[in-house]
PDB file of all heavy atoms in Angstrom:
ATOM      1  N   ALA A   1      76.528  87.588 101.854  1.00  0.00           N
ATOM      2  CA  ALA A   1      76.050  88.502 100.815  1.00  0.00           C
ATOM      3  C   ALA A   1      74.524  88.659 100.989  1.00  0.00           C
ATOM      4  O   ALA A   1      73.837  87.752 101.324  1.00  0.00           O
ATOM      5  CB  ALA A   1      76.373  87.942  99.421  1.00  0.00           C
ATOM      6  N   PRO A   2      74.004  89.843 100.728  1.00  0.00           N
ATOM      7  CA  PRO A   2      74.691  91.026 100.183  1.00  0.00           C
ATOM      8  C   PRO A   2      75.138  92.027 101.205  1.00  0.00           C
ATOM      9  O   PRO A   2      75.210  93.265 100.876  1.00  0.00           O
ATOM     10  CB  PRO A   2      73.642  91.612  99.229  1.00  0.00           C
ATOM     11  CG  PRO A   2      72.312  91.403 100.020  1.00  0.00           C
ATOM     12  CD  PRO A   2      72.548  90.079 100.734  1.00  0.00           C
ATOM     13  N   ARG A   3      75.412  91.611 102.442  1.00  0.00           N
ATOM     14  CA  ARG A   3      75.828  92.528 103.473  1.00  0.00           C
ATOM     15  C   ARG A   3      77.189  93.178 103.126  1.00  0.00           C
ATOM     16  O   ARG A   3      78.056  92.598 102.497  1.00  0.00           O
ATOM     17  CB  ARG A   3      75.957  91.815 104.796  1.00  0.00           C
ATOM     18  CG  ARG A   3      74.617  91.295 105.348  1.00  0.00           C
ATOM     19  CD  ARG A   3      74.816  90.773 106.765  1.00  0.00           C
ATOM     20  NE  ARG A   3      73.582  90.149 107.276  1.00  0.00           N
ATOM     21  CZ  ARG A   3      73.465  89.588 108.462  1.00  0.00           C
ATOM     22  NH1 ARG A   3      74.499  89.608 109.295  1.00  0.00           N
ATOM     23  NH2 ARG A   3      72.309  89.079 108.886  1.00  0.00           N
ATOM     24  N   VAL A   4      77.299  94.472 103.543  1.00  0.00           N
ATOM     25  CA  VAL A   4      78.534  95.189 103.276  1.00  0.00           C
ATOM     26  C   VAL A   4      79.580  94.955 104.379  1.00  0.00           C
ATOM     27  O   VAL A   4      79.196  94.779 105.582  1.00  0.00           O
ATOM     28  CB  VAL A   4      78.213  96.664 103.140  1.00  0.00           C
ATOM     29  CG1 VAL A   4      79.499  97.538 103.144  1.00  0.00           C
ATOM     30  CG2 VAL A   4      77.436  96.959 101.914  1.00  0.00           C
ATOM     31  N   MET A   5      80.854  94.895 104.019  1.00  0.00           N
ATOM     32  CA  MET A   5      81.876  94.778 105.047  1.00  0.00           C
ATOM     33  C   MET A   5      82.473  96.170 105.249  1.00  0.00           C
ATOM     34  O   MET A   5      82.989  96.816 104.292  1.00  0.00           O
ATOM     35  CB  MET A   5      83.035  93.869 104.566  1.00  0.00           C
ATOM     36  CG  MET A   5      82.633  92.352 104.663  1.00  0.00           C
ATOM     37  SD  MET A   5      84.112  91.337 104.572  1.00  0.00           S
ATOM     38  CE  MET A   5      84.993  91.787 106.080  1.00  0.00           C
ATOM     39  N   ASN A   6      82.399  96.695 106.447  1.00  0.00           N
ATOM     40  CA  ASN A   6      82.873  98.040 106.703  1.00  0.00           C
ATOM     41  C   ASN A   6      84.313  98.149 107.200  1.00  0.00           C
ATOM     42  O   ASN A   6      84.894  99.201 107.187  1.00  0.00           O
ATOM     43  CB  ASN A   6      81.943  98.712 107.758  1.00  0.00           C
ATOM     44  CG  ASN A   6      80.532  98.912 107.164  1.00  0.00           C
ATOM     45  OD1 ASN A   6      80.414  99.394 106.072  1.00  0.00           O
ATOM     46  ND2 ASN A   6      79.538  98.558 107.936  1.00  0.00           N
ATOM     47  N   TYR A   7      84.880  97.001 107.600  1.00  0.00           N
ATOM     48  CA  TYR A   7      86.233  97.070 108.175  1.00  0.00           C
ATOM     49  C   TYR A   7      86.880  95.687 108.053  1.00  0.00           C
ATOM     50  O   TYR A   7      86.283  94.729 107.611  1.00  0.00           O
ATOM     51  CB  TYR A   7      86.212  97.543 109.667  1.00  0.00           C
ATOM     52  CG  TYR A   7      85.195  96.783 110.517  1.00  0.00           C
ATOM     53  CD1 TYR A   7      85.559  95.613 111.124  1.00  0.00           C
ATOM     54  CD2 TYR A   7      83.976  97.335 110.766  1.00  0.00           C
ATOM     55  CE1 TYR A   7      84.623  94.895 111.897  1.00  0.00           C
ATOM     56  CE2 TYR A   7      83.036  96.730 111.591  1.00  0.00           C
ATOM     57  CZ  TYR A   7      83.445  95.489 112.155  1.00  0.00           C
ATOM     58  OH  TYR A   7      82.518  94.831 112.927  1.00  0.00           O
ATOM     59  N   TYR A   8      88.149  95.650 108.456  1.00  0.00           N
ATOM     60  CA  TYR A   8      88.988  94.433 108.409  1.00  0.00           C
ATOM     61  C   TYR A   8      89.448  94.063 107.000  1.00  0.00           C
ATOM     62  O   TYR A   8      89.953  92.994 106.758  1.00  0.00           O
ATOM     63  CB  TYR A   8      88.284  93.234 109.040  1.00  0.00           C
ATOM     64  CG  TYR A   8      88.203  93.259 110.532  1.00  0.00           C
ATOM     65  CD1 TYR A   8      87.438  92.325 111.245  1.00  0.00           C
ATOM     66  CD2 TYR A   8      88.856  94.207 111.306  1.00  0.00           C
ATOM     67  CE1 TYR A   8      87.340  92.314 112.610  1.00  0.00           C
ATOM     68  CE2 TYR A   8      88.795  94.232 112.657  1.00  0.00           C
ATOM     69  CZ  TYR A   8      88.007  93.328 113.337  1.00  0.00           C
ATOM     70  OH  TYR A   8      87.930  93.308 114.731  1.00  0.00           O
ATOM     71  N   TRP A   9      89.237  94.966 106.009  1.00  0.00           N
ATOM     72  CA  TRP A   9      89.626  94.575 104.634  1.00  0.00           C
ATOM     73  C   TRP A   9      90.714  95.452 104.078  1.00  0.00           C
ATOM     74  O   TRP A   9      91.243  95.097 103.013  1.00  0.00           O
ATOM     75  CB  TRP A   9      88.386  94.601 103.697  1.00  0.00           C
ATOM     76  CG  TRP A   9      87.560  95.831 103.716  1.00  0.00           C
ATOM     77  CD1 TRP A   9      86.419  96.006 104.364  1.00  0.00           C
ATOM     78  CD2 TRP A   9      87.804  97.067 103.051  1.00  0.00           C
ATOM     79  NE1 TRP A   9      85.935  97.291 104.194  1.00  0.00           N
ATOM     80  CE2 TRP A   9      86.753  97.957 103.349  1.00  0.00           C
ATOM     81  CE3 TRP A   9      88.796  97.514 102.187  1.00  0.00           C
ATOM     82  CZ2 TRP A   9      86.664  99.279 102.828  1.00  0.00           C
ATOM     83  CZ3 TRP A   9      88.738  98.823 101.666  1.00  0.00           C
ATOM     84  CH2 TRP A   9      87.686  99.645 102.020  1.00  0.00           C
ATOM     85  N   THR A  10      91.063  96.502 104.744  1.00  0.00           N
ATOM     86  CA  THR A  10      92.112  97.426 104.240  1.00  0.00           C
ATOM     87  C   THR A  10      93.430  96.736 103.931  1.00  0.00           C
ATOM     88  O   THR A  10      94.006  96.955 102.901  1.00  0.00           O
ATOM     89  CB  THR A  10      92.315  98.617 105.219  1.00  0.00           C
ATOM     90  OG1 THR A  10      91.033  99.095 105.645  1.00  0.00           O
ATOM     91  CG2 THR A  10      93.119  99.705 104.563  1.00  0.00           C
ATOM     92  N   TYR A  11      93.868  95.864 104.835  1.00  0.00           N
ATOM     93  CA  TYR A  11      95.104  95.140 104.648  1.00  0.00           C
ATOM     94  C   TYR A  11      95.179  94.398 103.329  1.00  0.00           C
ATOM     95  O   TYR A  11      96.212  94.255 102.713  1.00  0.00           O
ATOM     96  CB  TYR A  11      95.325  94.211 105.855  1.00  0.00           C
ATOM     97  CG  TYR A  11      96.354  93.154 105.611  1.00  0.00           C
ATOM     98  CD1 TYR A  11      97.693  93.335 105.845  1.00  0.00           C
ATOM     99  CD2 TYR A  11      95.935  91.864 105.102  1.00  0.00           C
ATOM    100  CE1 TYR A  11      98.621  92.360 105.586  1.00  0.00           C
ATOM    101  CE2 TYR A  11      96.872  90.901 104.888  1.00  0.00           C
ATOM    102  CZ  TYR A  11      98.193  91.139 105.141  1.00  0.00           C
ATOM    103  OH  TYR A  11      99.155  90.118 104.881  1.00  0.00           O
ATOM    104  N   PHE A  12      94.031  93.869 102.900  1.00  0.00           N
ATOM    105  CA  PHE A  12      93.991  92.947 101.770  1.00  0.00           C
ATOM    106  C   PHE A  12      93.945  93.675 100.407  1.00  0.00           C
ATOM    107  O   PHE A  12      93.919  93.006  99.374  1.00  0.00           O
ATOM    108  CB  PHE A  12      92.747  92.068 101.881  1.00  0.00           C
ATOM    109  CG  PHE A  12      92.767  91.134 103.086  1.00  0.00           C
ATOM    110  CD1 PHE A  12      92.028  91.496 104.194  1.00  0.00           C
ATOM    111  CD2 PHE A  12      93.587  90.001 103.145  1.00  0.00           C
ATOM    112  CE1 PHE A  12      92.028  90.660 105.325  1.00  0.00           C
ATOM    113  CE2 PHE A  12      93.618  89.202 104.258  1.00  0.00           C
ATOM    114  CZ  PHE A  12      92.840  89.524 105.341  1.00  0.00           C
ATOM    115  N   LEU A  13      93.929  94.989 100.405  1.00  0.00           N
ATOM    116  CA  LEU A  13      93.837  95.715  99.075  1.00  0.00           C
ATOM    117  C   LEU A  13      95.040  95.417  98.193  1.00  0.00           C
ATOM    118  O   LEU A  13      94.845  95.225  96.986  1.00  0.00           O
ATOM    119  CB  LEU A  13      93.700  97.240  99.372  1.00  0.00           C
ATOM    120  CG  LEU A  13      92.315  97.685  99.817  1.00  0.00           C
ATOM    121  CD1 LEU A  13      92.371  99.118 100.262  1.00  0.00           C
ATOM    122  CD2 LEU A  13      91.301  97.470  98.667  1.00  0.00           C
ATOM    123  N   LEU A  14      96.261  95.368  98.736  1.00  0.00           N
ATOM    124  CA  LEU A  14      97.449  95.141  97.913  1.00  0.00           C
ATOM    125  C   LEU A  14      97.371  93.737  97.296  1.00  0.00           C
ATOM    126  O   LEU A  14      97.464  93.604  96.075  1.00  0.00           O
ATOM    127  CB  LEU A  14      98.728  95.351  98.707  1.00  0.00           C
ATOM    128  CG  LEU A  14      99.977  95.099  97.946  1.00  0.00           C
ATOM    129  CD1 LEU A  14     100.138  96.059  96.773  1.00  0.00           C
ATOM    130  CD2 LEU A  14     101.204  95.138  98.838  1.00  0.00           C
ATOM    131  N   PRO A  15      97.271  92.664  98.052  1.00  0.00           N
ATOM    132  CA  PRO A  15      97.268  91.365  97.387  1.00  0.00           C
ATOM    133  C   PRO A  15      96.095  91.134  96.443  1.00  0.00           C
ATOM    134  O   PRO A  15      96.245  90.464  95.425  1.00  0.00           O
ATOM    135  CB  PRO A  15      97.230  90.339  98.568  1.00  0.00           C
ATOM    136  CG  PRO A  15      96.814  91.139  99.768  1.00  0.00           C
ATOM    137  CD  PRO A  15      97.252  92.527  99.538  1.00  0.00           C
ATOM    138  N   SER A  16      94.916  91.716  96.790  1.00  0.00           N
ATOM    139  CA  SER A  16      93.811  91.526  95.899  1.00  0.00           C
ATOM    140  C   SER A  16      93.987  92.344  94.580  1.00  0.00           C
ATOM    141  O   SER A  16      93.640  91.856  93.519  1.00  0.00           O
ATOM    142  CB  SER A  16      92.508  92.022  96.593  1.00  0.00           C
ATOM    143  OG  SER A  16      92.544  93.390  96.895  1.00  0.00           O
ATOM    144  N   ALA A  17      94.544  93.526  94.677  1.00  0.00           N
ATOM    145  CA  ALA A  17      94.783  94.353  93.482  1.00  0.00           C
ATOM    146  C   ALA A  17      95.828  93.706  92.621  1.00  0.00           C
ATOM    147  O   ALA A  17      95.709  93.625  91.377  1.00  0.00           O
ATOM    148  CB  ALA A  17      95.205  95.766  93.854  1.00  0.00           C
ATOM    149  N   VAL A  18      96.884  93.129  93.196  1.00  0.00           N
ATOM    150  CA  VAL A  18      97.949  92.495  92.443  1.00  0.00           C
ATOM    151  C   VAL A  18      97.365  91.226  91.751  1.00  0.00           C
ATOM    152  O   VAL A  18      97.613  90.980  90.532  1.00  0.00           O
ATOM    153  CB  VAL A  18      99.143  92.103  93.354  1.00  0.00           C
ATOM    154  CG1 VAL A  18     100.098  91.233  92.577  1.00  0.00           C
ATOM    155  CG2 VAL A  18      99.814  93.398  93.827  1.00  0.00           C
ATOM    156  N   ALA A  19      96.598  90.423  92.490  1.00  0.00           N
ATOM    157  CA  ALA A  19      96.031  89.250  91.922  1.00  0.00           C
ATOM    158  C   ALA A  19      95.034  89.529  90.818  1.00  0.00           C
ATOM    159  O   ALA A  19      94.891  88.714  89.894  1.00  0.00           O
ATOM    160  CB  ALA A  19      95.364  88.398  93.021  1.00  0.00           C
ATOM    161  N   SER A  20      94.354  90.644  90.880  1.00  0.00           N
ATOM    162  CA  SER A  20      93.351  90.974  89.892  1.00  0.00           C
ATOM    163  C   SER A  20      93.881  91.748  88.708  1.00  0.00           C
ATOM    164  O   SER A  20      93.496  91.531  87.533  1.00  0.00           O
ATOM    165  CB  SER A  20      92.179  91.730  90.510  1.00  0.00           C
ATOM    166  OG  SER A  20      91.524  90.929  91.431  1.00  0.00           O
ATOM    167  N   ALA A  21      94.757  92.705  88.971  1.00  0.00           N
ATOM    168  CA  ALA A  21      95.184  93.638  87.884  1.00  0.00           C
ATOM    169  C   ALA A  21      96.691  93.448  87.616  1.00  0.00           C
ATOM    170  O   ALA A  21      97.183  94.135  86.686  1.00  0.00           O
ATOM    171  CB  ALA A  21      94.957  95.073  88.348  1.00  0.00           C
ATOM    172  N   GLY A  22      97.374  92.625  88.314  1.00  0.00           N
ATOM    173  CA  GLY A  22      98.815  92.411  88.070  1.00  0.00           C
ATOM    174  C   GLY A  22      99.062  91.513  86.848  1.00  0.00           C
ATOM    175  O   GLY A  22      98.114  91.010  86.207  1.00  0.00           O
ATOM    176  N   PRO A  23     100.265  91.242  86.522  1.00  0.00           N
ATOM    177  CA  PRO A  23     100.608  90.367  85.358  1.00  0.00           C
ATOM    178  C   PRO A  23     100.121  88.932  85.642  1.00  0.00           C
ATOM    179  O   PRO A  23      99.952  88.552  86.825  1.00  0.00           O
ATOM    180  CB  PRO A  23     102.173  90.392  85.336  1.00  0.00           C
ATOM    181  CG  PRO A  23     102.610  90.889  86.669  1.00  0.00           C
ATOM    182  CD  PRO A  23     101.496  91.744  87.210  1.00  0.00           C
ATOM    183  N   PRO A  24      99.858  88.177  84.581  1.00  0.00           N
ATOM    184  CA  PRO A  24      99.319  86.803  84.722  1.00  0.00           C
ATOM    185  C   PRO A  24      99.933  85.910  85.737  1.00  0.00           C
ATOM    186  O   PRO A  24      99.254  85.201  86.460  1.00  0.00           O
ATOM    187  CB  PRO A  24      99.351  86.255  83.314  1.00  0.00           C
ATOM    188  CG  PRO A  24      99.295  87.462  82.415  1.00  0.00           C
ATOM    189  CD  PRO A  24     100.068  88.541  83.131  1.00  0.00           C
ATOM    190  N   PRO A  25     101.314  85.907  85.871  1.00  0.00           N
ATOM    191  CA  PRO A  25     101.874  85.007  86.860  1.00  0.00           C
ATOM    192  C   PRO A  25     101.428  85.242  88.296  1.00  0.00           C
ATOM    193  O   PRO A  25     101.525  84.372  89.148  1.00  0.00           O
ATOM    194  CB  PRO A  25     103.322  85.229  86.743  1.00  0.00           C
ATOM    195  CG  PRO A  25     103.532  85.737  85.360  1.00  0.00           C
ATOM    196  CD  PRO A  25     102.330  86.607  85.099  1.00  0.00           C
ATOM    197  N   LEU A  26     100.844  86.409  88.583  1.00  0.00           N
ATOM    198  CA  LEU A  26     100.449  86.798  89.901  1.00  0.00           C
ATOM    199  C   LEU A  26      98.954  86.633  90.166  1.00  0.00           C
ATOM    200  O   LEU A  26      98.428  87.133  91.150  1.00  0.00           O
ATOM    201  CB  LEU A  26     100.880  88.246  90.168  1.00  0.00           C
ATOM    202  CG  LEU A  26     102.379  88.458  90.308  1.00  0.00           C
ATOM    203  CD1 LEU A  26     102.685  89.957  90.393  1.00  0.00           C
ATOM    204  CD2 LEU A  26     102.987  87.744  91.521  1.00  0.00           C
ATOM    205  N   HIS A  27      98.238  85.987  89.256  1.00  0.00           N
ATOM    206  CA  HIS A  27      96.784  85.900  89.388  1.00  0.00           C
ATOM    207  C   HIS A  27      96.308  84.857  90.408  1.00  0.00           C
ATOM    208  O   HIS A  27      95.118  84.694  90.578  1.00  0.00           O
ATOM    209  CB  HIS A  27      96.156  85.609  88.047  1.00  0.00           C
ATOM    210  CG  HIS A  27      96.188  86.820  87.172  1.00  0.00           C
ATOM    211  ND1 HIS A  27      95.674  86.895  85.869  1.00  0.00           N
ATOM    212  CD2 HIS A  27      96.651  88.116  87.374  1.00  0.00           C
ATOM    213  CE1 HIS A  27      95.856  88.078  85.332  1.00  0.00           C
ATOM    214  NE2 HIS A  27      96.433  88.835  86.223  1.00  0.00           N
ATOM    215  N   ASP A  28      97.224  84.153  91.077  1.00  0.00           N
ATOM    216  CA  ASP A  28      96.846  83.212  92.099  1.00  0.00           C
ATOM    217  C   ASP A  28      96.752  83.996  93.376  1.00  0.00           C
ATOM    218  O   ASP A  28      97.735  84.394  94.039  1.00  0.00           O
ATOM    219  CB  ASP A  28      97.922  82.132  92.241  1.00  0.00           C
ATOM    220  CG  ASP A  28      97.570  81.065  93.282  1.00  0.00           C
ATOM    221  OD1 ASP A  28      96.663  81.347  94.061  1.00  0.00           O
ATOM    222  OD2 ASP A  28      98.198  80.025  93.316  1.00  0.00           O
ATOM    223  N   VAL A  29      95.563  84.282  93.857  1.00  0.00           N
ATOM    224  CA  VAL A  29      95.304  85.154  94.986  1.00  0.00           C
ATOM    225  C   VAL A  29      95.848  84.551  96.249  1.00  0.00           C
ATOM    226  O   VAL A  29      96.344  85.243  97.153  1.00  0.00           O
ATOM    227  CB  VAL A  29      93.789  85.502  95.098  1.00  0.00           C
ATOM    228  CG1 VAL A  29      92.981  84.262  95.503  1.00  0.00           C
ATOM    229  CG2 VAL A  29      93.620  86.576  96.141  1.00  0.00           C
ATOM    230  N   GLN A  30      95.808  83.212  96.376  1.00  0.00           N
ATOM    231  CA  GLN A  30      96.347  82.562  97.546  1.00  0.00           C
ATOM    232  C   GLN A  30      97.840  82.727  97.682  1.00  0.00           C
ATOM    233  O   GLN A  30      98.378  82.904  98.785  1.00  0.00           O
ATOM    234  CB  GLN A  30      95.903  81.118  97.632  1.00  0.00           C
ATOM    235  CG  GLN A  30      94.434  80.912  97.824  1.00  0.00           C
ATOM    236  CD  GLN A  30      94.050  79.481  98.210  1.00  0.00           C
ATOM    237  OE1 GLN A  30      94.899  78.612  98.252  1.00  0.00           O
ATOM    238  NE2 GLN A  30      92.813  79.265  98.526  1.00  0.00           N
ATOM    239  N   ALA A  31      98.544  82.628  96.553  1.00  0.00           N
ATOM    240  CA  ALA A  31      99.994  82.838  96.594  1.00  0.00           C
ATOM    241  C   ALA A  31     100.286  84.252  97.015  1.00  0.00           C
ATOM    242  O   ALA A  31     101.226  84.485  97.803  1.00  0.00           O
ATOM    243  CB  ALA A  31     100.545  82.544  95.214  1.00  0.00           C
ATOM    244  N   CYS A  32      99.563  85.255  96.546  1.00  0.00           N
ATOM    245  CA  CYS A  32      99.758  86.630  96.905  1.00  0.00           C
ATOM    246  C   CYS A  32      99.478  86.810  98.448  1.00  0.00           C
ATOM    247  O   CYS A  32     100.280  87.516  99.087  1.00  0.00           O
ATOM    248  CB  CYS A  32      98.857  87.515  96.118  1.00  0.00           C
ATOM    249  SG  CYS A  32      99.205  87.643  94.335  1.00  0.00           S
ATOM    250  N   LEU A  33      98.434  86.202  98.933  1.00  0.00           N
ATOM    251  CA  LEU A  33      98.117  86.302 100.336  1.00  0.00           C
ATOM    252  C   LEU A  33      99.197  85.714 101.223  1.00  0.00           C
ATOM    253  O   LEU A  33      99.587  86.307 102.245  1.00  0.00           O
ATOM    254  CB  LEU A  33      96.763  85.625 100.620  1.00  0.00           C
ATOM    255  CG  LEU A  33      95.509  86.320 100.170  1.00  0.00           C
ATOM    256  CD1 LEU A  33      94.309  85.397 100.323  1.00  0.00           C
ATOM    257  CD2 LEU A  33      95.292  87.659 100.876  1.00  0.00           C
ATOM    258  N   LYS A  34      99.695  84.527 100.839  1.00  0.00           N
ATOM    259  CA  LYS A  34     100.756  83.928 101.654  1.00  0.00           C
ATOM    260  C   LYS A  34     102.039  84.757 101.718  1.00  0.00           C
ATOM    261  O   LYS A  34     102.599  84.990 102.781  1.00  0.00           O
ATOM    262  CB  LYS A  34     101.050  82.581 101.133  1.00  0.00           C
ATOM    263  CG  LYS A  34      99.955  81.534 101.399  1.00  0.00           C
ATOM    264  CD  LYS A  34     100.360  80.108 101.051  1.00  0.00           C
ATOM    265  CE  LYS A  34     100.393  79.895  99.533  1.00  0.00           C
ATOM    266  NZ  LYS A  34     100.665  78.504  99.159  1.00  0.00           N
ATOM    267  N   THR A  35     102.453  85.232 100.550  1.00  0.00           N
ATOM    268  CA  THR A  35     103.695  85.993 100.482  1.00  0.00           C
ATOM    269  C   THR A  35     103.532  87.339 101.229  1.00  0.00           C
ATOM    270  O   THR A  35     104.406  87.811 101.964  1.00  0.00           O
ATOM    271  CB  THR A  35     104.084  86.278  99.003  1.00  0.00           C
ATOM    272  OG1 THR A  35     104.041  85.065  98.304  1.00  0.00           O
ATOM    273  CG2 THR A  35     105.480  86.886  98.935  1.00  0.00           C
ATOM    274  N   ASN A  36     102.358  87.984 101.080  1.00  0.00           N
ATOM    275  CA  ASN A  36     102.107  89.221 101.772  1.00  0.00           C
ATOM    276  C   ASN A  36     102.113  89.074 103.247  1.00  0.00           C
ATOM    277  O   ASN A  36     102.658  89.900 103.992  1.00  0.00           O
ATOM    278  CB  ASN A  36     100.781  89.762 101.300  1.00  0.00           C
ATOM    279  CG  ASN A  36     100.656  91.294 101.459  1.00  0.00           C
ATOM    280  OD1 ASN A  36     101.032  92.060 100.619  1.00  0.00           O
ATOM    281  ND2 ASN A  36     100.072  91.720 102.575  1.00  0.00           N
ATOM    282  N   ALA A  37     101.516  88.015 103.759  1.00  0.00           N
ATOM    283  CA  ALA A  37     101.474  87.762 105.205  1.00  0.00           C
ATOM    284  C   ALA A  37     102.883  87.543 105.792  1.00  0.00           C
ATOM    285  O   ALA A  37     103.246  87.991 106.874  1.00  0.00           O
ATOM    286  CB  ALA A  37     100.592  86.557 105.541  1.00  0.00           C
ATOM    287  N   PHE A  38     103.684  86.775 105.034  1.00  0.00           N
ATOM    288  CA  PHE A  38     105.070  86.511 105.487  1.00  0.00           C
ATOM    289  C   PHE A  38     105.862  87.796 105.614  1.00  0.00           C
ATOM    290  O   PHE A  38     106.504  88.037 106.629  1.00  0.00           O
ATOM    291  CB  PHE A  38     105.709  85.538 104.537  1.00  0.00           C
ATOM    292  CG  PHE A  38     107.219  85.390 104.673  1.00  0.00           C
ATOM    293  CD1 PHE A  38     107.733  84.981 105.906  1.00  0.00           C
ATOM    294  CD2 PHE A  38     108.051  85.657 103.669  1.00  0.00           C
ATOM    295  CE1 PHE A  38     109.113  84.829 106.037  1.00  0.00           C
ATOM    296  CE2 PHE A  38     109.393  85.523 103.779  1.00  0.00           C
ATOM    297  CZ  PHE A  38     109.949  85.146 104.951  1.00  0.00           C
ATOM    298  N   LEU A  39     105.842  88.632 104.573  1.00  0.00           N
ATOM    299  CA  LEU A  39     106.591  89.825 104.579  1.00  0.00           C
ATOM    300  C   LEU A  39     106.081  90.838 105.628  1.00  0.00           C
ATOM    301  O   LEU A  39     106.867  91.471 106.305  1.00  0.00           O
ATOM    302  CB  LEU A  39     106.548  90.481 103.176  1.00  0.00           C
ATOM    303  CG  LEU A  39     107.188  89.631 102.069  1.00  0.00           C
ATOM    304  CD1 LEU A  39     106.913  90.251 100.715  1.00  0.00           C
ATOM    305  CD2 LEU A  39     108.629  89.408 102.324  1.00  0.00           C
ATOM    306  N   SER A  40     104.786  90.906 105.804  1.00  0.00           N
ATOM    307  CA  SER A  40     104.198  91.757 106.842  1.00  0.00           C
ATOM    308  C   SER A  40     104.599  91.258 108.223  1.00  0.00           C
ATOM    309  O   SER A  40     104.798  92.109 109.149  1.00  0.00           O
ATOM    310  CB  SER A  40     102.692  91.803 106.709  1.00  0.00           C
ATOM    311  OG  SER A  40     102.327  92.407 105.444  1.00  0.00           O
ATOM    312  N   GLY A  41     104.707  89.952 108.396  1.00  0.00           N
ATOM    313  CA  GLY A  41     105.149  89.430 109.687  1.00  0.00           C
ATOM    314  C   GLY A  41     106.519  89.833 110.062  1.00  0.00           C
ATOM    315  O   GLY A  41     106.842  90.132 111.204  1.00  0.00           O
ATOM    316  N   LEU A  42     107.442  89.945 109.086  1.00  0.00           N
ATOM    317  CA  LEU A  42     108.762  90.448 109.328  1.00  0.00           C
ATOM    318  C   LEU A  42     108.757  91.866 109.843  1.00  0.00           C
ATOM    319  O   LEU A  42     109.438  92.202 110.827  1.00  0.00           O
ATOM    320  CB  LEU A  42     109.585  90.336 108.069  1.00  0.00           C
ATOM    321  CG  LEU A  42     109.985  88.947 107.607  1.00  0.00           C
ATOM    322  CD1 LEU A  42     110.563  89.036 106.155  1.00  0.00           C
ATOM    323  CD2 LEU A  42     111.074  88.306 108.505  1.00  0.00           C
ATOM    324  N   LEU A  43     107.920  92.704 109.263  1.00  0.00           N
ATOM    325  CA  LEU A  43     107.850  94.091 109.716  1.00  0.00           C
ATOM    326  C   LEU A  43     107.303  94.170 111.127  1.00  0.00           C
ATOM    327  O   LEU A  43     107.717  95.002 111.940  1.00  0.00           O
ATOM    328  CB  LEU A  43     107.026  94.918 108.760  1.00  0.00           C
ATOM    329  CG  LEU A  43     107.617  95.238 107.389  1.00  0.00           C
ATOM    330  CD1 LEU A  43     106.617  95.952 106.502  1.00  0.00           C
ATOM    331  CD2 LEU A  43     108.892  96.044 107.517  1.00  0.00           C
ATOM    332  N   MET A  44     106.303  93.347 111.436  1.00  0.00           N
ATOM    333  CA  MET A  44     105.686  93.375 112.717  1.00  0.00           C
ATOM    334  C   MET A  44     106.680  92.981 113.824  1.00  0.00           C
ATOM    335  O   MET A  44     106.851  93.710 114.875  1.00  0.00           O
ATOM    336  CB  MET A  44     104.486  92.463 112.793  1.00  0.00           C
ATOM    337  CG  MET A  44     103.718  92.485 114.114  1.00  0.00           C
ATOM    338  SD  MET A  44     104.378  91.371 115.337  1.00  0.00           S
ATOM    339  CE  MET A  44     103.324  91.742 116.716  1.00  0.00           C
TER     340      MET A  44
END
């Protein structure tokens, strides 16, 4: 900080938005990241 990140963050928008604006049970950002990575791995 305070440098700006210009790339490598697009993938993380979904888990970060869910952890911040989702229902309270989903506010654990690490749990969202783990589940998101697992499901994305299946698609890959």
